[in-house]
Amino acid sequence: MRVMFSSISALVIGLLQFSLIVFCISFFALHFPISAWLAHNGFGGTKLLLGVTVVEFPIHVVLWLPAGYLLLRLRPLPLWVYLALALVPTWVWINRLVLFQGEFSPIGSMLLSWIPELVAPVVATLAVAKLIRPQMPNNSFKPKPLRGSA
């Protein structure tokens, strides 16, 4: 029962996060037209997508921090299962035309668009895990006991 609840929670977290990211990226595109500025300054094609990816990646990481925290709190399955449950349905939905109808764009632009979608959530979740994990003390400075001493 707990596994099913945690799995459904991971799906809901992924769907809500997808909605939040769509809203925020649309808001940023409307109020901070980075792509129009890049295109005006001579960027085009893959260079334009690379510039947009560089700008969007940290935005995605910051937006995924709360969802990453929630995914870390789910138990008993490993973290990668919950990340997959949160990411795969929305990734399939975003790329449904490419995956199911075969309308492939150049592979470079597809890979650049997948970086914020797939890598940023993992980076954000691992960053949260690093921050909330208790730090182990550094015992390397303690001398080792001599043999035969009690």
N, C-alpha and C. Protein backbone atom coordinates (compact mmCIF):
# COMPACT_ATOMS: atom_id res chain seq x y z
N MET A 1 0.83 -1.20 0.00
CA MET A 1 0.00 0.00 0.00
C MET A 1 0.86 1.25 0.00
N ARG A 2 1.93 1.23 0.82
CA ARG A 2 2.81 2.39 0.90
C ARG A 2 3.56 2.61 -0.41
N VAL A 3 3.94 1.53 -1.09
CA VAL A 3 4.63 1.65 -2.37
C VAL A 3 3.70 2.28 -3.40
N MET A 4 2.45 1.87 -3.42
CA MET A 4 1.50 2.43 -4.37
C MET A 4 1.25 3.91 -4.08
N PHE A 5 1.09 4.27 -2.82
CA PHE A 5 0.89 5.67 -2.46
C PHE A 5 2.10 6.52 -2.86
N SER A 6 3.30 6.02 -2.59
CA SER A 6 4.51 6.76 -2.95
C SER A 6 4.66 6.89 -4.46
N SER A 7 4.30 5.84 -5.19
CA SER A 7 4.40 5.89 -6.65
C SER A 7 3.41 6.89 -7.24
N ILE A 8 2.19 6.87 -6.74
CA ILE A 8 1.20 7.84 -7.21
C ILE A 8 1.61 9.25 -6.82
N SER A 9 2.19 9.40 -5.64
CA SER A 9 2.68 10.72 -5.22
C SER A 9 3.78 11.22 -6.16
N ALA A 10 4.68 10.34 -6.57
CA ALA A 10 5.73 10.74 -7.51
C ALA A 10 5.15 11.17 -8.85
N LEU A 11 4.13 10.45 -9.32
CA LEU A 11 3.45 10.85 -10.57
C LEU A 11 2.80 12.23 -10.44
N VAL A 12 2.11 12.44 -9.34
CA VAL A 12 1.44 13.73 -9.12
C VAL A 12 2.46 14.85 -8.99
N ILE A 13 3.57 14.60 -8.27
CA ILE A 13 4.63 15.61 -8.15
C ILE A 13 5.17 15.97 -9.53
N GLY A 14 5.40 14.97 -10.38
CA GLY A 14 5.90 15.22 -11.72
C GLY A 14 4.92 16.02 -12.56
N LEU A 15 3.64 15.70 -12.48
CA LEU A 15 2.64 16.43 -13.26
C LEU A 15 2.48 17.87 -12.78
N LEU A 16 2.46 18.06 -11.46
CA LEU A 16 2.37 19.43 -10.94
C LEU A 16 3.63 20.23 -11.28
N GLN A 17 4.77 19.58 -11.22
CA GLN A 17 6.02 20.27 -11.56
C GLN A 17 6.04 20.65 -13.04
N PHE A 18 5.53 19.77 -13.89
CA PHE A 18 5.43 20.07 -15.32
C PHE A 18 4.56 21.31 -15.54
N SER A 19 3.42 21.37 -14.85
CA SER A 19 2.54 22.54 -14.98
C SER A 19 3.23 23.81 -14.51
N LEU A 20 3.94 23.73 -13.39
CA LEU A 20 4.66 24.89 -12.87
C LEU A 20 5.74 25.35 -13.85
N ILE A 21 6.48 24.41 -14.42
CA ILE A 21 7.56 24.78 -15.34
C ILE A 21 6.99 25.39 -16.61
N VAL A 22 5.92 24.85 -17.14
CA VAL A 22 5.31 25.44 -18.33
C VAL A 22 4.86 26.87 -18.05
N PHE A 23 4.23 27.09 -16.89
CA PHE A 23 3.80 28.44 -16.54
C PHE A 23 4.99 29.39 -16.39
N CYS A 24 6.01 28.96 -15.65
CA CYS A 24 7.16 29.84 -15.38
C CYS A 24 7.98 30.12 -16.63
N ILE A 25 8.22 29.12 -17.45
CA ILE A 25 8.98 29.34 -18.68
C ILE A 25 8.21 30.25 -19.62
N SER A 26 6.88 30.10 -19.68
CA SER A 26 6.07 31.02 -20.49
C SER A 26 6.14 32.44 -19.94
N PHE A 27 6.10 32.57 -18.63
CA PHE A 27 6.21 33.88 -18.00
C PHE A 27 7.56 34.52 -18.31
N PHE A 28 8.65 33.73 -18.17
CA PHE A 28 9.98 34.26 -18.46
C PHE A 28 10.12 34.62 -19.93
N ALA A 29 9.56 33.81 -20.82
CA ALA A 29 9.65 34.11 -22.25
C ALA A 29 8.90 35.38 -22.60
N LEU A 30 7.80 35.63 -21.89
CA LEU A 30 7.02 36.84 -22.17
C LEU A 30 7.69 38.09 -21.63
N HIS A 31 8.22 38.02 -20.42
CA HIS A 31 8.78 39.21 -19.78
C HIS A 31 10.28 39.39 -19.96
N PHE A 32 10.99 38.32 -20.28
CA PHE A 32 12.43 38.37 -20.51
C PHE A 32 12.73 37.65 -21.82
N PRO A 33 12.56 38.32 -22.94
CA PRO A 33 12.68 37.64 -24.24
C PRO A 33 14.14 37.32 -24.60
N ILE A 34 14.70 36.33 -23.95
CA ILE A 34 16.09 35.94 -24.19
C ILE A 34 16.28 35.44 -25.61
N SER A 35 15.34 34.61 -26.10
CA SER A 35 15.50 34.06 -27.44
C SER A 35 15.43 35.16 -28.50
N ALA A 36 14.57 36.15 -28.32
CA ALA A 36 14.51 37.25 -29.28
C ALA A 36 15.79 38.08 -29.24
N TRP A 37 16.34 38.28 -28.05
CA TRP A 37 17.60 39.02 -27.93
C TRP A 37 18.74 38.25 -28.58
N LEU A 38 18.79 36.94 -28.37
CA LEU A 38 19.83 36.13 -28.99
C LEU A 38 19.69 36.12 -30.50
N ALA A 39 18.47 35.99 -31.00
CA ALA A 39 18.25 35.99 -32.45
C ALA A 39 18.61 37.35 -33.05
N HIS A 40 18.32 38.43 -32.32
CA HIS A 40 18.65 39.77 -32.81
C HIS A 40 20.15 39.98 -32.88
N ASN A 41 20.91 39.31 -32.00
CA ASN A 41 22.36 39.46 -31.99
C ASN A 41 23.08 38.42 -32.82
N GLY A 42 22.40 37.78 -33.75
CA GLY A 42 23.06 36.92 -34.71
C GLY A 42 23.05 35.44 -34.41
N PHE A 43 22.44 35.04 -33.32
CA PHE A 43 22.36 33.60 -33.03
C PHE A 43 21.22 33.00 -33.84
N GLY A 44 21.43 31.84 -34.36
CA GLY A 44 20.39 31.16 -35.12
C GLY A 44 20.64 29.66 -35.12
N GLY A 45 19.59 28.90 -35.36
CA GLY A 45 19.72 27.46 -35.44
C GLY A 45 20.15 26.84 -34.12
N THR A 46 21.18 26.01 -34.19
CA THR A 46 21.66 25.30 -33.01
C THR A 46 22.29 26.25 -32.00
N LYS A 47 22.92 27.34 -32.47
CA LYS A 47 23.49 28.32 -31.53
C LYS A 47 22.39 28.96 -30.69
N LEU A 48 21.27 29.27 -31.31
CA LEU A 48 20.15 29.85 -30.59
C LEU A 48 19.62 28.87 -29.55
N LEU A 49 19.46 27.60 -29.95
CA LEU A 49 18.98 26.60 -28.99
C LEU A 49 19.97 26.37 -27.87
N LEU A 50 21.26 26.42 -28.18
CA LEU A 50 22.27 26.28 -27.14
C LEU A 50 22.21 27.43 -26.15
N GLY A 51 22.04 28.66 -26.66
CA GLY A 51 21.91 29.82 -25.77
C GLY A 51 20.68 29.74 -24.89
N VAL A 52 19.56 29.32 -25.46
CA VAL A 52 18.34 29.19 -24.68
C VAL A 52 18.48 28.08 -23.65
N THR A 53 19.16 26.99 -24.02
CA THR A 53 19.37 25.89 -23.07
C THR A 53 20.24 26.32 -21.90
N VAL A 54 21.27 27.11 -22.19
CA VAL A 54 22.14 27.61 -21.12
C VAL A 54 21.36 28.50 -20.15
N VAL A 55 20.41 29.25 -20.66
CA VAL A 55 19.60 30.11 -19.80
C VAL A 55 18.53 29.30 -19.06
N GLU A 56 17.91 28.34 -19.74
CA GLU A 56 16.81 27.58 -19.14
C GLU A 56 17.27 26.56 -18.12
N PHE A 57 18.47 26.02 -18.27
CA PHE A 57 18.91 24.94 -17.38
C PHE A 57 18.91 25.37 -15.91
N PRO A 58 19.54 26.52 -15.56
CA PRO A 58 19.48 26.91 -14.13
C PRO A 58 18.07 27.23 -13.66
N ILE A 59 17.24 27.73 -14.55
CA ILE A 59 15.84 28.01 -14.17
C ILE A 59 15.14 26.70 -13.83
N HIS A 60 15.34 25.68 -14.66
CA HIS A 60 14.74 24.37 -14.39
C HIS A 60 15.26 23.78 -13.08
N VAL A 61 16.56 23.92 -12.83
CA VAL A 61 17.13 23.38 -11.60
C VAL A 61 16.50 24.05 -10.39
N VAL A 62 16.39 25.36 -10.41
CA VAL A 62 15.81 26.08 -9.27
C VAL A 62 14.34 25.71 -9.09
N LEU A 63 13.61 25.59 -10.18
CA LEU A 63 12.20 25.23 -10.08
C LEU A 63 11.99 23.79 -9.61
N TRP A 64 12.96 22.92 -9.84
CA TRP A 64 12.84 21.53 -9.43
C TRP A 64 13.28 21.29 -7.99
N LEU A 65 13.86 22.25 -7.32
CA LEU A 65 14.35 22.02 -5.95
C LEU A 65 13.25 21.58 -4.98
N PRO A 66 12.09 22.24 -4.94
CA PRO A 66 11.05 21.76 -4.01
C PRO A 66 10.53 20.36 -4.36
N ALA A 67 10.37 20.10 -5.65
CA ALA A 67 9.90 18.77 -6.06
C ALA A 67 10.95 17.70 -5.75
N GLY A 68 12.21 18.05 -5.91
CA GLY A 68 13.28 17.12 -5.55
C GLY A 68 13.26 16.79 -4.08
N TYR A 69 12.99 17.79 -3.25
CA TYR A 69 12.88 17.54 -1.81
C TYR A 69 11.73 16.58 -1.51
N LEU A 70 10.59 16.79 -2.17
CA LEU A 70 9.46 15.90 -1.94
C LEU A 70 9.76 14.49 -2.42
N LEU A 71 10.45 14.36 -3.54
CA LEU A 71 10.80 13.03 -4.04
C LEU A 71 11.77 12.32 -3.09
N LEU A 72 12.64 13.07 -2.46
CA LEU A 72 13.57 12.47 -1.50
C LEU A 72 12.85 11.92 -0.26
N ARG A 73 11.71 12.48 0.07
CA ARG A 73 10.97 12.05 1.25
C ARG A 73 10.13 10.79 1.00
N LEU A 74 9.96 10.39 -0.24
CA LEU A 74 9.15 9.21 -0.53
C LEU A 74 9.93 7.95 -0.21
N ARG A 75 9.26 6.95 0.32
CA ARG A 75 9.86 5.68 0.69
C ARG A 75 8.94 4.57 0.22
N PRO A 76 9.28 3.37 0.06
CA PRO A 76 10.48 2.61 0.35
C PRO A 76 11.35 2.34 -0.87
N LEU A 77 10.90 2.71 -2.05
CA LEU A 77 11.67 2.42 -3.27
C LEU A 77 12.87 3.35 -3.40
N PRO A 78 13.85 2.98 -4.22
CA PRO A 78 15.01 3.86 -4.43
C PRO A 78 14.62 5.17 -5.12
N LEU A 79 15.46 6.17 -4.98
CA LEU A 79 15.17 7.50 -5.51
C LEU A 79 15.01 7.48 -7.02
N TRP A 80 15.81 6.69 -7.74
CA TRP A 80 15.74 6.71 -9.19
C TRP A 80 14.37 6.24 -9.70
N VAL A 81 13.69 5.39 -8.95
CA VAL A 81 12.35 4.95 -9.36
C VAL A 81 11.38 6.12 -9.30
N TYR A 82 11.45 6.89 -8.23
CA TYR A 82 10.55 8.04 -8.09
C TYR A 82 10.88 9.13 -9.10
N LEU A 83 12.17 9.32 -9.39
CA LEU A 83 12.55 10.28 -10.43
C LEU A 83 11.99 9.84 -11.78
N ALA A 84 12.10 8.57 -12.08
CA ALA A 84 11.57 8.07 -13.35
C ALA A 84 10.05 8.24 -13.41
N LEU A 85 9.37 7.95 -12.31
CA LEU A 85 7.91 8.12 -12.29
C LEU A 85 7.51 9.58 -12.43
N ALA A 86 8.32 10.48 -11.93
CA ALA A 86 8.00 11.90 -12.04
C ALA A 86 8.35 12.46 -13.42
N LEU A 87 9.39 11.92 -14.06
CA LEU A 87 9.88 12.50 -15.31
C LEU A 87 9.31 11.86 -16.57
N VAL A 88 9.22 10.54 -16.61
CA VAL A 88 8.89 9.84 -17.85
C VAL A 88 7.51 10.21 -18.41
N PRO A 89 6.43 10.23 -17.62
CA PRO A 89 5.13 10.58 -18.23
C PRO A 89 5.10 11.97 -18.86
N THR A 90 5.67 12.95 -18.18
CA THR A 90 5.65 14.30 -18.75
C THR A 90 6.61 14.40 -19.93
N TRP A 91 7.75 13.69 -19.88
CA TRP A 91 8.68 13.71 -21.01
C TRP A 91 8.05 13.08 -22.24
N VAL A 92 7.32 11.98 -22.05
CA VAL A 92 6.63 11.34 -23.17
C VAL A 92 5.55 12.28 -23.72
N TRP A 93 4.85 12.99 -22.83
CA TRP A 93 3.80 13.90 -23.28
C TRP A 93 4.39 15.07 -24.08
N ILE A 94 5.49 15.63 -23.60
CA ILE A 94 6.12 16.74 -24.30
C ILE A 94 6.62 16.32 -25.67
N ASN A 95 7.17 15.12 -25.78
CA ASN A 95 7.79 14.64 -27.01
C ASN A 95 6.92 13.63 -27.76
N ARG A 96 5.61 13.67 -27.58
CA ARG A 96 4.74 12.68 -28.19
C ARG A 96 4.76 12.72 -29.71
N LEU A 97 4.91 13.90 -30.31
CA LEU A 97 4.95 13.97 -31.77
C LEU A 97 6.21 13.32 -32.32
N VAL A 98 7.31 13.51 -31.63
CA VAL A 98 8.58 12.92 -32.06
C VAL A 98 8.56 11.41 -31.85
N LEU A 99 8.03 10.98 -30.73
CA LEU A 99 8.09 9.56 -30.38
C LEU A 99 7.08 8.71 -31.14
N PHE A 100 5.87 9.21 -31.32
CA PHE A 100 4.81 8.37 -31.86
C PHE A 100 4.44 8.66 -33.30
N GLN A 101 4.75 9.84 -33.82
CA GLN A 101 4.39 10.15 -35.19
C GLN A 101 5.60 10.30 -36.10
N GLY A 102 6.78 10.19 -35.54
CA GLY A 102 7.98 10.18 -36.35
C GLY A 102 8.37 11.51 -36.97
N GLU A 103 7.91 12.61 -36.42
CA GLU A 103 8.26 13.93 -36.95
C GLU A 103 9.56 14.38 -36.29
N PHE A 104 10.67 13.88 -36.80
CA PHE A 104 11.97 14.16 -36.20
C PHE A 104 12.52 15.48 -36.71
N SER A 105 12.97 16.29 -35.78
CA SER A 105 13.73 17.48 -36.13
C SER A 105 15.20 17.09 -36.06
N PRO A 106 16.11 17.97 -36.40
CA PRO A 106 17.53 17.61 -36.29
C PRO A 106 17.88 17.11 -34.90
N ILE A 107 18.69 16.09 -34.84
CA ILE A 107 18.97 15.42 -33.57
C ILE A 107 19.65 16.34 -32.57
N GLY A 108 20.46 17.29 -33.03
CA GLY A 108 21.13 18.22 -32.11
C GLY A 108 20.15 19.08 -31.36
N SER A 109 19.16 19.59 -32.05
CA SER A 109 18.17 20.44 -31.37
C SER A 109 17.30 19.62 -30.43
N MET A 110 17.03 18.37 -30.79
CA MET A 110 16.25 17.52 -29.88
C MET A 110 17.03 17.24 -28.61
N LEU A 111 18.30 16.92 -28.75
CA LEU A 111 19.11 16.64 -27.56
C LEU A 111 19.27 17.86 -26.68
N LEU A 112 19.43 19.04 -27.30
CA LEU A 112 19.55 20.26 -26.50
C LEU A 112 18.26 20.57 -25.75
N SER A 113 17.12 20.25 -26.33
CA SER A 113 15.86 20.50 -25.63
C SER A 113 15.62 19.49 -24.52
N TRP A 114 16.22 18.32 -24.62
CA TRP A 114 16.03 17.31 -23.58
C TRP A 114 16.89 17.54 -22.36
N ILE A 115 17.94 18.34 -22.46
CA ILE A 115 18.83 18.56 -21.32
C ILE A 115 18.08 19.22 -20.15
N PRO A 116 17.38 20.33 -20.35
CA PRO A 116 16.65 20.89 -19.19
C PRO A 116 15.52 19.97 -18.71
N GLU A 117 14.94 19.22 -19.63
CA GLU A 117 13.81 18.37 -19.25
C GLU A 117 14.24 17.17 -18.41
N LEU A 118 15.38 16.58 -18.72
CA LEU A 118 15.76 15.33 -18.08
C LEU A 118 16.93 15.45 -17.10
N VAL A 119 17.87 16.33 -17.36
CA VAL A 119 19.06 16.42 -16.53
C VAL A 119 18.84 17.37 -15.35
N ALA A 120 18.15 18.48 -15.57
CA ALA A 120 17.94 19.46 -14.50
C ALA A 120 17.20 18.87 -13.29
N PRO A 121 16.16 18.05 -13.47
CA PRO A 121 15.53 17.47 -12.27
C PRO A 121 16.47 16.57 -11.47
N VAL A 122 17.30 15.82 -12.17
CA VAL A 122 18.25 14.94 -11.47
C VAL A 122 19.28 15.78 -10.71
N VAL A 123 19.78 16.83 -11.35
CA VAL A 123 20.76 17.71 -10.70
C VAL A 123 20.14 18.38 -9.47
N ALA A 124 18.92 18.85 -9.60
CA ALA A 124 18.26 19.52 -8.48
C ALA A 124 18.01 18.54 -7.33
N THR A 125 17.57 17.34 -7.64
CA THR A 125 17.30 16.36 -6.59
C THR A 125 18.58 15.93 -5.89
N LEU A 126 19.65 15.73 -6.65
CA LEU A 126 20.92 15.36 -6.03
C LEU A 126 21.50 16.51 -5.20
N ALA A 127 21.27 17.76 -5.64
CA ALA A 127 21.73 18.91 -4.86
C ALA A 127 20.97 18.99 -3.53
N VAL A 128 19.67 18.76 -3.56
CA VAL A 128 18.89 18.76 -2.32
C VAL A 128 19.34 17.61 -1.42
N ALA A 129 19.59 16.45 -2.02
CA ALA A 129 20.06 15.31 -1.22
C ALA A 129 21.39 15.62 -0.55
N LYS A 130 22.27 16.30 -1.26
CA LYS A 130 23.57 16.67 -0.68
C LYS A 130 23.39 17.66 0.46
N LEU A 131 22.44 18.58 0.33
CA LEU A 131 22.23 19.59 1.37
C LEU A 131 21.58 19.04 2.62
N ILE A 132 20.66 18.09 2.49
CA ILE A 132 19.93 17.63 3.67
C ILE A 132 20.57 16.41 4.31
N ARG A 133 21.51 15.77 3.63
CA ARG A 133 22.18 14.60 4.20
C ARG A 133 23.10 15.06 5.32
N PRO A 134 23.06 14.39 6.45
CA PRO A 134 23.99 14.79 7.52
C PRO A 134 25.42 14.52 7.10
N GLN A 135 26.27 15.46 7.40
CA GLN A 135 27.67 15.33 7.02
C GLN A 135 28.39 14.39 7.97
N MET A 136 29.17 13.51 7.41
CA MET A 136 29.96 12.58 8.21
C MET A 136 31.21 13.30 8.69
N PRO A 137 31.62 13.07 9.93
CA PRO A 137 32.82 13.75 10.42
C PRO A 137 34.07 13.21 9.73
N ASN A 138 35.04 14.06 9.61
CA ASN A 138 36.32 13.68 9.02
C ASN A 138 37.21 13.10 10.12
N ASN A 139 37.38 11.80 10.09
CA ASN A 139 38.18 11.13 11.10
C ASN A 139 39.57 10.78 10.58
N SER A 140 39.98 11.35 9.49
CA SER A 140 41.26 10.99 8.90
C SER A 140 42.45 11.50 9.72
N PHE A 141 42.23 12.50 10.58
CA PHE A 141 43.34 13.05 11.36
C PHE A 141 43.63 12.25 12.62
N LYS A 142 42.73 11.34 12.99
CA LYS A 142 42.94 10.56 14.20
C LYS A 142 44.00 9.49 13.93
N PRO A 143 44.95 9.34 14.84
CA PRO A 143 45.98 8.33 14.62
C PRO A 143 45.40 6.92 14.77
N LYS A 144 45.97 6.01 14.00
CA LYS A 144 45.53 4.61 14.09
C LYS A 144 46.22 3.97 15.30
N PRO A 145 45.49 3.11 16.00
CA PRO A 145 46.11 2.46 17.16
C PRO A 145 47.21 1.50 16.73
N LEU A 146 48.21 1.36 17.58
CA LEU A 146 49.30 0.44 17.29
C LEU A 146 48.84 -1.00 17.48
N ARG A 147 49.50 -1.90 16.77
CA ARG A 147 49.17 -3.32 16.92
C ARG A 147 49.54 -3.78 18.33
N GLY A 148 48.68 -4.59 18.88
CA GLY A 148 48.96 -5.16 20.19
C GLY A 148 48.59 -4.25 21.33
N SER A 149 48.23 -3.00 21.07
CA SER A 149 47.85 -2.11 22.17
C SER A 149 46.34 -2.25 22.41
N ALA A 150 45.96 -2.17 23.62
CA ALA A 150 44.55 -2.33 23.93
C ALA A 150 43.94 -1.07 24.40
